[in-house]
Amino acid sequence: MDDVTVNLDDLIEAVVKAVVSAYQTQELENALVIRDELRRLPDNLTTEVLNGVILRLVQINPDLCRWFILDVFLRESDPDGKADVAERINLLMADLKTQQDHE
């Protein structure tokens, strides 16, 4: 990635659109391809992209976020790790709801 400039926002938006499409069609294979491509990124970039994707997906549809992150991306992860991520998603949803209630 030395000579390639990655626009993080564009990458996050592209991933979100692909995940939404896979969710709407319920094509698990497409979602798994997205997961595999994300895992090919350098670890620090994967983390940045996933954090952005989680934020966007929670805003769009919390169930969609849970599906992609917990059921697809963390498909083979240990239950404790999945529980930690699920808790982070729940906290994020609560924070967003609090912000919306104060607007």
PDB file of N, CA and C in Angstrom:
ATOM      1  N   MET A   1       0.810  -1.200   0.000  1.00  0.00           N
ATOM      2  CA  MET A   1       0.000   0.000   0.000  1.00  0.00           C
ATOM      3  C   MET A   1       0.850   1.258   0.000  1.00  0.00           C
ATOM      4  N   ASP A   2       2.112   1.138  -0.284  1.00  0.00           N
ATOM      5  CA  ASP A   2       3.007   2.279  -0.237  1.00  0.00           C
ATOM      6  C   ASP A   2       2.563   3.391  -1.178  1.00  0.00           C
ATOM      7  N   ASP A   3       2.298   3.052  -2.423  1.00  0.00           N
ATOM      8  CA  ASP A   3       1.977   4.064  -3.415  1.00  0.00           C
ATOM      9  C   ASP A   3       0.478   4.312  -3.557  1.00  0.00           C
ATOM     10  N   VAL A   4      -0.295   3.622  -2.770  1.00  0.00           N
ATOM     11  CA  VAL A   4      -1.746   3.752  -2.885  1.00  0.00           C
ATOM     12  C   VAL A   4      -2.272   4.559  -1.702  1.00  0.00           C
ATOM     13  N   THR A   5      -2.994   5.606  -2.016  1.00  0.00           N
ATOM     14  CA  THR A   5      -3.617   6.396  -0.967  1.00  0.00           C
ATOM     15  C   THR A   5      -5.016   5.841  -0.735  1.00  0.00           C
ATOM     16  N   VAL A   6      -5.272   5.466   0.492  1.00  0.00           N
ATOM     17  CA  VAL A   6      -6.572   4.907   0.827  1.00  0.00           C
ATOM     18  C   VAL A   6      -7.405   5.985   1.507  1.00  0.00           C
ATOM     19  N   ASN A   7      -8.542   6.283   0.936  1.00  0.00           N
ATOM     20  CA  ASN A   7      -9.467   7.191   1.571  1.00  0.00           C
ATOM     21  C   ASN A   7     -10.351   6.340   2.477  1.00  0.00           C
ATOM     22  N   LEU A   8     -10.118   6.455   3.771  1.00  0.00           N
ATOM     23  CA  LEU A   8     -10.787   5.611   4.747  1.00  0.00           C
ATOM     24  C   LEU A   8     -12.307   5.732   4.673  1.00  0.00           C
ATOM     25  N   ASP A   9     -12.805   6.957   4.527  1.00  0.00           N
ATOM     26  CA  ASP A   9     -14.260   7.156   4.455  1.00  0.00           C
ATOM     27  C   ASP A   9     -14.867   6.437   3.257  1.00  0.00           C
ATOM     28  N   ASP A  10     -14.175   6.518   2.103  1.00  0.00           N
ATOM     29  CA  ASP A  10     -14.671   5.840   0.903  1.00  0.00           C
ATOM     30  C   ASP A  10     -14.648   4.323   1.084  1.00  0.00           C
ATOM     31  N   LEU A  11     -13.604   3.826   1.709  1.00  0.00           N
ATOM     32  CA  LEU A  11     -13.487   2.389   1.947  1.00  0.00           C
ATOM     33  C   LEU A  11     -14.592   1.905   2.891  1.00  0.00           C
ATOM     34  N   ILE A  12     -14.821   2.651   3.951  1.00  0.00           N
ATOM     35  CA  ILE A  12     -15.882   2.296   4.905  1.00  0.00           C
ATOM     36  C   ILE A  12     -17.235   2.306   4.208  1.00  0.00           C
ATOM     37  N   GLU A  13     -17.484   3.340   3.413  1.00  0.00           N
ATOM     38  CA  GLU A  13     -18.771   3.443   2.716  1.00  0.00           C
ATOM     39  C   GLU A  13     -18.964   2.294   1.738  1.00  0.00           C
ATOM     40  N   ALA A  14     -17.897   1.898   1.042  1.00  0.00           N
ATOM     41  CA  ALA A  14     -17.991   0.781   0.104  1.00  0.00           C
ATOM     42  C   ALA A  14     -18.293  -0.521   0.833  1.00  0.00           C
ATOM     43  N   VAL A  15     -17.653  -0.721   1.972  1.00  0.00           N
ATOM     44  CA  VAL A  15     -17.903  -1.936   2.763  1.00  0.00           C
ATOM     45  C   VAL A  15     -19.339  -1.931   3.273  1.00  0.00           C
ATOM     46  N   VAL A  16     -19.794  -0.797   3.769  1.00  0.00           N
ATOM     47  CA  VAL A  16     -21.168  -0.694   4.287  1.00  0.00           C
ATOM     48  C   VAL A  16     -22.172  -1.024   3.183  1.00  0.00           C
ATOM     49  N   LYS A  17     -21.974  -0.475   1.990  1.00  0.00           N
ATOM     50  CA  LYS A  17     -22.896  -0.748   0.875  1.00  0.00           C
ATOM     51  C   LYS A  17     -22.897  -2.233   0.522  1.00  0.00           C
ATOM     52  N   ALA A  18     -21.723  -2.849   0.519  1.00  0.00           N
ATOM     53  CA  ALA A  18     -21.638  -4.277   0.204  1.00  0.00           C
ATOM     54  C   ALA A  18     -22.325  -5.117   1.273  1.00  0.00           C
ATOM     55  N   VAL A  19     -22.142  -4.742   2.529  1.00  0.00           N
ATOM     56  CA  VAL A  19     -22.770  -5.485   3.635  1.00  0.00           C
ATOM     57  C   VAL A  19     -24.290  -5.336   3.572  1.00  0.00           C
ATOM     58  N   VAL A  20     -24.773  -4.126   3.325  1.00  0.00           N
ATOM     59  CA  VAL A  20     -26.220  -3.901   3.220  1.00  0.00           C
ATOM     60  C   VAL A  20     -26.795  -4.761   2.099  1.00  0.00           C
ATOM     61  N   SER A  21     -26.117  -4.798   0.983  1.00  0.00           N
ATOM     62  CA  SER A  21     -26.579  -5.599  -0.155  1.00  0.00           C
ATOM     63  C   SER A  21     -26.607  -7.091   0.200  1.00  0.00           C
ATOM     64  N   ALA A  22     -25.560  -7.572   0.831  1.00  0.00           N
ATOM     65  CA  ALA A  22     -25.513  -8.984   1.227  1.00  0.00           C
ATOM     66  C   ALA A  22     -26.622  -9.306   2.226  1.00  0.00           C
ATOM     67  N   TYR A  23     -26.894  -8.386   3.139  1.00  0.00           N
ATOM     68  CA  TYR A  23     -27.939  -8.584   4.141  1.00  0.00           C
ATOM     69  C   TYR A  23     -29.320  -8.619   3.488  1.00  0.00           C
ATOM     70  N   GLN A  24     -29.557  -7.711   2.547  1.00  0.00           N
ATOM     71  CA  GLN A  24     -30.862  -7.644   1.884  1.00  0.00           C
ATOM     72  C   GLN A  24     -31.146  -8.906   1.088  1.00  0.00           C
ATOM     73  N   THR A  25     -30.117  -9.472   0.483  1.00  0.00           N
ATOM     74  CA  THR A  25     -30.313 -10.675  -0.321  1.00  0.00           C
ATOM     75  C   THR A  25     -30.123 -11.953   0.503  1.00  0.00           C
ATOM     76  N   GLN A  26     -29.662 -11.766   1.754  1.00  0.00           N
ATOM     77  CA  GLN A  26     -29.374 -12.901   2.647  1.00  0.00           C
ATOM     78  C   GLN A  26     -28.358 -13.868   2.015  1.00  0.00           C
ATOM     79  N   GLU A  27     -27.407 -13.307   1.276  1.00  0.00           N
ATOM     80  CA  GLU A  27     -26.364 -14.104   0.646  1.00  0.00           C
ATOM     81  C   GLU A  27     -25.162 -14.189   1.590  1.00  0.00           C
ATOM     82  N   LEU A  28     -25.128 -15.241   2.383  1.00  0.00           N
ATOM     83  CA  LEU A  28     -24.041 -15.412   3.338  1.00  0.00           C
ATOM     84  C   LEU A  28     -22.689 -15.500   2.630  1.00  0.00           C
ATOM     85  N   GLU A  29     -22.668 -16.151   1.481  1.00  0.00           N
ATOM     86  CA  GLU A  29     -21.405 -16.282   0.741  1.00  0.00           C
ATOM     87  C   GLU A  29     -20.832 -14.907   0.387  1.00  0.00           C
ATOM     88  N   ASN A  30     -21.683 -13.977  -0.030  1.00  0.00           N
ATOM     89  CA  ASN A  30     -21.215 -12.628  -0.343  1.00  0.00           C
ATOM     90  C   ASN A  30     -20.660 -11.946   0.902  1.00  0.00           C
ATOM     91  N   ALA A  31     -21.335 -12.124   2.011  1.00  0.00           N
ATOM     92  CA  ALA A  31     -20.865 -11.532   3.269  1.00  0.00           C
ATOM     93  C   ALA A  31     -19.522 -12.132   3.682  1.00  0.00           C
ATOM     94  N   LEU A  32     -19.354 -13.426   3.458  1.00  0.00           N
ATOM     95  CA  LEU A  32     -18.085 -14.074   3.809  1.00  0.00           C
ATOM     96  C   LEU A  32     -16.948 -13.572   2.918  1.00  0.00           C
ATOM     97  N   VAL A  33     -17.248 -13.269   1.665  1.00  0.00           N
ATOM     98  CA  VAL A  33     -16.235 -12.691   0.769  1.00  0.00           C
ATOM     99  C   VAL A  33     -15.813 -11.322   1.293  1.00  0.00           C
ATOM    100  N   ILE A  34     -16.774 -10.522   1.724  1.00  0.00           N
ATOM    101  CA  ILE A  34     -16.466  -9.207   2.294  1.00  0.00           C
ATOM    102  C   ILE A  34     -15.558  -9.383   3.507  1.00  0.00           C
ATOM    103  N   ARG A  35     -15.917 -10.314   4.382  1.00  0.00           N
ATOM    104  CA  ARG A  35     -15.105 -10.595   5.569  1.00  0.00           C
ATOM    105  C   ARG A  35     -13.680 -10.973   5.180  1.00  0.00           C
ATOM    106  N   ASP A  36     -13.553 -11.874   4.218  1.00  0.00           N
ATOM    107  CA  ASP A  36     -12.228 -12.335   3.807  1.00  0.00           C
ATOM    108  C   ASP A  36     -11.393 -11.203   3.220  1.00  0.00           C
ATOM    109  N   GLU A  37     -12.033 -10.332   2.462  1.00  0.00           N
ATOM    110  CA  GLU A  37     -11.307  -9.193   1.890  1.00  0.00           C
ATOM    111  C   GLU A  37     -10.857  -8.226   2.986  1.00  0.00           C
ATOM    112  N   LEU A  38     -11.713  -8.000   3.975  1.00  0.00           N
ATOM    113  CA  LEU A  38     -11.327  -7.127   5.091  1.00  0.00           C
ATOM    114  C   LEU A  38     -10.135  -7.707   5.851  1.00  0.00           C
ATOM    115  N   ARG A  39     -10.107  -9.001   5.992  1.00  0.00           N
ATOM    116  CA  ARG A  39      -9.010  -9.652   6.723  1.00  0.00           C
ATOM    117  C   ARG A  39      -7.687  -9.587   5.965  1.00  0.00           C
ATOM    118  N   ARG A  40      -7.732  -9.283   4.693  1.00  0.00           N
ATOM    119  CA  ARG A  40      -6.506  -9.151   3.903  1.00  0.00           C
ATOM    120  C   ARG A  40      -5.826  -7.801   4.127  1.00  0.00           C
ATOM    121  N   LEU A  41      -6.559  -6.848   4.691  1.00  0.00           N
ATOM    122  CA  LEU A  41      -5.984  -5.535   4.977  1.00  0.00           C
ATOM    123  C   LEU A  41      -4.977  -5.650   6.123  1.00  0.00           C
ATOM    124  N   PRO A  42      -4.040  -4.699   6.210  1.00  0.00           N
ATOM    125  CA  PRO A  42      -3.167  -4.670   7.394  1.00  0.00           C
ATOM    126  C   PRO A  42      -4.023  -4.527   8.654  1.00  0.00           C
ATOM    127  N   ASP A  43      -3.576  -5.119   9.754  1.00  0.00           N
ATOM    128  CA  ASP A  43      -4.372  -5.157  10.987  1.00  0.00           C
ATOM    129  C   ASP A  43      -4.872  -3.785  11.427  1.00  0.00           C
ATOM    130  N   ASN A  44      -3.986  -2.786  11.397  1.00  0.00           N
ATOM    131  CA  ASN A  44      -4.410  -1.459  11.858  1.00  0.00           C
ATOM    132  C   ASN A  44      -5.497  -0.875  10.959  1.00  0.00           C
ATOM    133  N   LEU A  45      -5.418  -1.128   9.661  1.00  0.00           N
ATOM    134  CA  LEU A  45      -6.438  -0.632   8.737  1.00  0.00           C
ATOM    135  C   LEU A  45      -7.741  -1.414   8.906  1.00  0.00           C
ATOM    136  N   THR A  46      -7.628  -2.719   9.133  1.00  0.00           N
ATOM    137  CA  THR A  46      -8.826  -3.528   9.379  1.00  0.00           C
ATOM    138  C   THR A  46      -9.583  -2.989  10.585  1.00  0.00           C
ATOM    139  N   THR A  47      -8.859  -2.682  11.650  1.00  0.00           N
ATOM    140  CA  THR A  47      -9.488  -2.150  12.866  1.00  0.00           C
ATOM    141  C   THR A  47     -10.189  -0.827  12.585  1.00  0.00           C
ATOM    142  N   GLU A  48      -9.512   0.068  11.871  1.00  0.00           N
ATOM    143  CA  GLU A  48     -10.104   1.370  11.538  1.00  0.00           C
ATOM    144  C   GLU A  48     -11.365   1.199  10.698  1.00  0.00           C
ATOM    145  N   VAL A  49     -11.284   0.353   9.694  1.00  0.00           N
ATOM    146  CA  VAL A  49     -12.429   0.136   8.809  1.00  0.00           C
ATOM    147  C   VAL A  49     -13.582  -0.493   9.590  1.00  0.00           C
ATOM    148  N   LEU A  50     -13.296  -1.518  10.380  1.00  0.00           N
ATOM    149  CA  LEU A  50     -14.366  -2.168  11.155  1.00  0.00           C
ATOM    150  C   LEU A  50     -15.033  -1.206  12.117  1.00  0.00           C
ATOM    151  N   ASN A  51     -14.252  -0.378  12.785  1.00  0.00           N
ATOM    152  CA  ASN A  51     -14.846   0.601  13.700  1.00  0.00           C
ATOM    153  C   ASN A  51     -15.794   1.533  12.947  1.00  0.00           C
ATOM    154  N   GLY A  52     -15.369   2.002  11.781  1.00  0.00           N
ATOM    155  CA  GLY A  52     -16.227   2.863  10.972  1.00  0.00           C
ATOM    156  C   GLY A  52     -17.461   2.143  10.470  1.00  0.00           C
ATOM    157  N   VAL A  53     -17.280   0.890  10.057  1.00  0.00           N
ATOM    158  CA  VAL A  53     -18.410   0.086   9.574  1.00  0.00           C
ATOM    159  C   VAL A  53     -19.407  -0.143  10.702  1.00  0.00           C
ATOM    160  N   ILE A  54     -18.916  -0.465  11.876  1.00  0.00           N
ATOM    161  CA  ILE A  54     -19.810  -0.681  13.026  1.00  0.00           C
ATOM    162  C   ILE A  54     -20.616   0.594  13.308  1.00  0.00           C
ATOM    163  N   LEU A  55     -19.951   1.727  13.334  1.00  0.00           N
ATOM    164  CA  LEU A  55     -20.658   2.991  13.583  1.00  0.00           C
ATOM    165  C   LEU A  55     -21.761   3.229  12.554  1.00  0.00           C
ATOM    166  N   ARG A  56     -21.440   3.049  11.277  1.00  0.00           N
ATOM    167  CA  ARG A  56     -22.430   3.277  10.214  1.00  0.00           C
ATOM    168  C   ARG A  56     -23.565   2.265  10.273  1.00  0.00           C
ATOM    169  N   LEU A  57     -23.224   0.993  10.468  1.00  0.00           N
ATOM    170  CA  LEU A  57     -24.259  -0.040  10.474  1.00  0.00           C
ATOM    171  C   LEU A  57     -25.204   0.116  11.658  1.00  0.00           C
ATOM    172  N   VAL A  58     -24.682   0.504  12.809  1.00  0.00           N
ATOM    173  CA  VAL A  58     -25.549   0.713  13.979  1.00  0.00           C
ATOM    174  C   VAL A  58     -26.542   1.829  13.682  1.00  0.00           C
ATOM    175  N   GLN A  59     -26.088   2.862  12.980  1.00  0.00           N
ATOM    176  CA  GLN A  59     -26.983   3.967  12.628  1.00  0.00           C
ATOM    177  C   GLN A  59     -28.029   3.537  11.614  1.00  0.00           C
ATOM    178  N   ILE A  60     -27.649   2.665  10.696  1.00  0.00           N
ATOM    179  CA  ILE A  60     -28.566   2.212   9.645  1.00  0.00           C
ATOM    180  C   ILE A  60     -29.560   1.192  10.198  1.00  0.00           C
ATOM    181  N   ASN A  61     -29.022   0.159  10.858  1.00  0.00           N
ATOM    182  CA  ASN A  61     -29.863  -0.938  11.347  1.00  0.00           C
ATOM    183  C   ASN A  61     -29.042  -1.776  12.330  1.00  0.00           C
ATOM    184  N   PRO A  62     -29.344  -1.685  13.623  1.00  0.00           N
ATOM    185  CA  PRO A  62     -28.582  -2.447  14.619  1.00  0.00           C
ATOM    186  C   PRO A  62     -28.568  -3.957  14.360  1.00  0.00           C
ATOM    187  N   ASP A  63     -29.669  -4.506  13.855  1.00  0.00           N
ATOM    188  CA  ASP A  63     -29.704  -5.940  13.565  1.00  0.00           C
ATOM    189  C   ASP A  63     -28.734  -6.294  12.441  1.00  0.00           C
ATOM    190  N   LEU A  64     -28.647  -5.420  11.454  1.00  0.00           N
ATOM    191  CA  LEU A  64     -27.696  -5.601  10.360  1.00  0.00           C
ATOM    192  C   LEU A  64     -26.269  -5.583  10.901  1.00  0.00           C
ATOM    193  N   CYS A  65     -25.995  -4.665  11.797  1.00  0.00           N
ATOM    194  CA  CYS A  65     -24.666  -4.566  12.405  1.00  0.00           C
ATOM    195  C   CYS A  65     -24.324  -5.850  13.152  1.00  0.00           C
ATOM    196  N   ARG A  66     -25.245  -6.305  13.980  1.00  0.00           N
ATOM    197  CA  ARG A  66     -25.007  -7.557  14.729  1.00  0.00           C
ATOM    198  C   ARG A  66     -24.785  -8.720  13.773  1.00  0.00           C
ATOM    199  N   TRP A  67     -25.605  -8.806  12.741  1.00  0.00           N
ATOM    200  CA  TRP A  67     -25.479  -9.912  11.787  1.00  0.00           C
ATOM    201  C   TRP A  67     -24.089  -9.936  11.168  1.00  0.00           C
ATOM    202  N   PHE A  68     -23.658  -8.788  10.626  1.00  0.00           N
ATOM    203  CA  PHE A  68     -22.375  -8.799   9.934  1.00  0.00           C
ATOM    204  C   PHE A  68     -21.201  -8.986  10.901  1.00  0.00           C
ATOM    205  N   ILE A  69     -21.192  -8.255  11.978  1.00  0.00           N
ATOM    206  CA  ILE A  69     -20.042  -8.306  12.878  1.00  0.00           C
ATOM    207  C   ILE A  69     -20.003  -9.619  13.648  1.00  0.00           C
ATOM    208  N   LEU A  70     -21.113 -10.000  14.258  1.00  0.00           N
ATOM    209  CA  LEU A  70     -21.105 -11.190  15.125  1.00  0.00           C
ATOM    210  C   LEU A  70     -21.256 -12.497  14.350  1.00  0.00           C
ATOM    211  N   ASP A  71     -22.202 -12.529  13.408  1.00  0.00           N
ATOM    212  CA  ASP A  71     -22.487 -13.787  12.709  1.00  0.00           C
ATOM    213  C   ASP A  71     -21.581 -14.042  11.509  1.00  0.00           C
ATOM    214  N   VAL A  72     -21.067 -12.969  10.924  1.00  0.00           N
ATOM    215  CA  VAL A  72     -20.225 -13.136   9.734  1.00  0.00           C
ATOM    216  C   VAL A  72     -18.758 -12.907  10.077  1.00  0.00           C
ATOM    217  N   PHE A  73     -18.416 -11.687  10.486  1.00  0.00           N
ATOM    218  CA  PHE A  73     -17.005 -11.368  10.673  1.00  0.00           C
ATOM    219  C   PHE A  73     -16.374 -12.189  11.800  1.00  0.00           C
ATOM    220  N   LEU A  74     -17.095 -12.362  12.881  1.00  0.00           N
ATOM    221  CA  LEU A  74     -16.560 -13.118  14.026  1.00  0.00           C
ATOM    222  C   LEU A  74     -17.084 -14.553  14.058  1.00  0.00           C
ATOM    223  N   ARG A  75     -17.466 -15.053  12.918  1.00  0.00           N
ATOM    224  CA  ARG A  75     -18.080 -16.375  12.775  1.00  0.00           C
ATOM    225  C   ARG A  75     -17.312 -17.487  13.512  1.00  0.00           C
ATOM    226  N   GLU A  76     -15.996 -17.517  13.369  1.00  0.00           N
ATOM    227  CA  GLU A  76     -15.198 -18.579  13.985  1.00  0.00           C
ATOM    228  C   GLU A  76     -14.511 -18.134  15.277  1.00  0.00           C
ATOM    229  N   SER A  77     -14.885 -16.993  15.802  1.00  0.00           N
ATOM    230  CA  SER A  77     -14.253 -16.481  17.020  1.00  0.00           C
ATOM    231  C   SER A  77     -14.806 -17.175  18.260  1.00  0.00           C
ATOM    232  N   ASP A  78     -14.035 -17.058  19.337  1.00  0.00           N
ATOM    233  CA  ASP A  78     -14.491 -17.682  20.580  1.00  0.00           C
ATOM    234  C   ASP A  78     -15.681 -16.904  21.148  1.00  0.00           C
ATOM    235  N   PRO A  79     -16.549 -17.590  21.882  1.00  0.00           N
ATOM    236  CA  PRO A  79     -17.765 -16.957  22.413  1.00  0.00           C
ATOM    237  C   PRO A  79     -17.490 -15.744  23.303  1.00  0.00           C
ATOM    238  N   ASP A  80     -16.402 -15.781  24.082  1.00  0.00           N
ATOM    239  CA  ASP A  80     -16.094 -14.639  24.947  1.00  0.00           C
ATOM    240  C   ASP A  80     -15.766 -13.400  24.127  1.00  0.00           C
ATOM    241  N   GLY A  81     -15.011 -13.577  23.058  1.00  0.00           N
ATOM    242  CA  GLY A  81     -14.684 -12.453  22.190  1.00  0.00           C
ATOM    243  C   GLY A  81     -15.929 -11.884  21.536  1.00  0.00           C
ATOM    244  N   LYS A  82     -16.817 -12.764  21.089  1.00  0.00           N
ATOM    245  CA  LYS A  82     -18.072 -12.314  20.478  1.00  0.00           C
ATOM    246  C   LYS A  82     -18.929 -11.564  21.496  1.00  0.00           C
ATOM    247  N   ALA A  83     -18.941 -12.047  22.732  1.00  0.00           N
ATOM    248  CA  ALA A  83     -19.732 -11.396  23.780  1.00  0.00           C
ATOM    249  C   ALA A  83     -19.192  -9.993  24.067  1.00  0.00           C
ATOM    250  N   ASP A  84     -17.872  -9.850  24.069  1.00  0.00           N
ATOM    251  CA  ASP A  84     -17.268  -8.533  24.291  1.00  0.00           C
ATOM    252  C   ASP A  84     -17.664  -7.563  23.187  1.00  0.00           C
ATOM    253  N   VAL A  85     -17.599  -8.018  21.954  1.00  0.00           N
ATOM    254  CA  VAL A  85     -17.960  -7.162  20.823  1.00  0.00           C
ATOM    255  C   VAL A  85     -19.449  -6.839  20.861  1.00  0.00           C
ATOM    256  N   ALA A  86     -20.274  -7.816  21.190  1.00  0.00           N
ATOM    257  CA  ALA A  86     -21.723  -7.578  21.292  1.00  0.00           C
ATOM    258  C   ALA A  86     -22.006  -6.511  22.346  1.00  0.00           C
ATOM    259  N   GLU A  87     -21.286  -6.555  23.448  1.00  0.00           N
ATOM    260  CA  GLU A  87     -21.471  -5.567  24.508  1.00  0.00           C
ATOM    261  C   GLU A  87     -21.058  -4.174  24.017  1.00  0.00           C
ATOM    262  N   ARG A  88     -19.961  -4.100  23.265  1.00  0.00           N
ATOM    263  CA  ARG A  88     -19.533  -2.809  22.711  1.00  0.00           C
ATOM    264  C   ARG A  88     -20.579  -2.257  21.754  1.00  0.00           C
ATOM    265  N   ILE A  89     -21.170  -3.127  20.945  1.00  0.00           N
ATOM    266  CA  ILE A  89     -22.228  -2.690  20.022  1.00  0.00           C
ATOM    267  C   ILE A  89     -23.427  -2.180  20.815  1.00  0.00           C
ATOM    268  N   ASN A  90     -23.805  -2.888  21.866  1.00  0.00           N
ATOM    269  CA  ASN A  90     -24.929  -2.454  22.699  1.00  0.00           C
ATOM    270  C   ASN A  90     -24.661  -1.093  23.337  1.00  0.00           C
ATOM    271  N   LEU A  91     -23.429  -0.875  23.815  1.00  0.00           N
ATOM    272  CA  LEU A  91     -23.076   0.412  24.411  1.00  0.00           C
ATOM    273  C   LEU A  91     -23.128   1.525  23.378  1.00  0.00           C
ATOM    274  N   LEU A  92     -22.648   1.238  22.186  1.00  0.00           N
ATOM    275  CA  LEU A  92     -22.690   2.216  21.105  1.00  0.00           C
ATOM    276  C   LEU A  92     -24.133   2.572  20.760  1.00  0.00           C
ATOM    277  N   MET A  93     -24.991   1.574  20.697  1.00  0.00           N
ATOM    278  CA  MET A  93     -26.408   1.821  20.402  1.00  0.00           C
ATOM    279  C   MET A  93     -27.036   2.676  21.494  1.00  0.00           C
ATOM    280  N   ALA A  94     -26.701   2.403  22.743  1.00  0.00           N
ATOM    281  CA  ALA A  94     -27.235   3.182  23.855  1.00  0.00           C
ATOM    282  C   ALA A  94     -26.748   4.630  23.780  1.00  0.00           C
ATOM    283  N   ASP A  95     -25.465   4.821  23.439  1.00  0.00           N
ATOM    284  CA  ASP A  95     -24.928   6.180  23.293  1.00  0.00           C
ATOM    285  C   ASP A  95     -25.640   6.936  22.173  1.00  0.00           C
ATOM    286  N   LEU A  96     -25.858   6.275  21.043  1.00  0.00           N
ATOM    287  CA  LEU A  96     -26.542   6.916  19.924  1.00  0.00           C
ATOM    288  C   LEU A  96     -27.976   7.286  20.288  1.00  0.00           C
ATOM    289  N   LYS A  97     -28.642   6.392  21.022  1.00  0.00           N
ATOM    290  CA  LYS A  97     -30.016   6.671  21.434  1.00  0.00           C
ATOM    291  C   LYS A  97     -30.054   7.866  22.382  1.00  0.00           C
ATOM    292  N   THR A  98     -29.110   7.929  23.304  1.00  0.00           N
ATOM    293  CA  THR A  98     -29.028   9.052  24.239  1.00  0.00           C
ATOM    294  C   THR A  98     -28.815  10.358  23.490  1.00  0.00           C
ATOM    295  N   GLN A  99     -27.912  10.336  22.489  1.00  0.00           N
ATOM    296  CA  GLN A  99     -27.665  11.534  21.690  1.00  0.00           C
ATOM    297  C   GLN A  99     -28.919  11.963  20.948  1.00  0.00           C
ATOM    298  N   GLN A 100     -29.643  11.006  20.395  1.00  0.00           N
ATOM    299  CA  GLN A 100     -30.864  11.316  19.649  1.00  0.00           C
ATOM    300  C   GLN A 100     -31.940  11.869  20.578  1.00  0.00           C
ATOM    301  N   ASP A 101     -32.013  11.354  21.790  1.00  0.00           N
ATOM    302  CA  ASP A 101     -33.011  11.815  22.742  1.00  0.00           C
ATOM    303  C   ASP A 101     -32.759  13.254  23.184  1.00  0.00           C
ATOM    304  N   HIS A 102     -31.486  13.688  23.132  1.00  0.00           N
ATOM    305  CA  HIS A 102     -31.131  15.043  23.550  1.00  0.00           C
ATOM    306  C   HIS A 102     -31.169  16.054  22.408  1.00  0.00           C
ATOM    307  N   GLU A 103     -31.457  15.602  21.205  1.00  0.00           N
ATOM    308  CA  GLU A 103     -31.514  16.523  20.065  1.00  0.00           C
ATOM    309  C   GLU A 103     -32.866  17.158  19.935  1.00  0.00           C
TER     310      GLU A 103
END
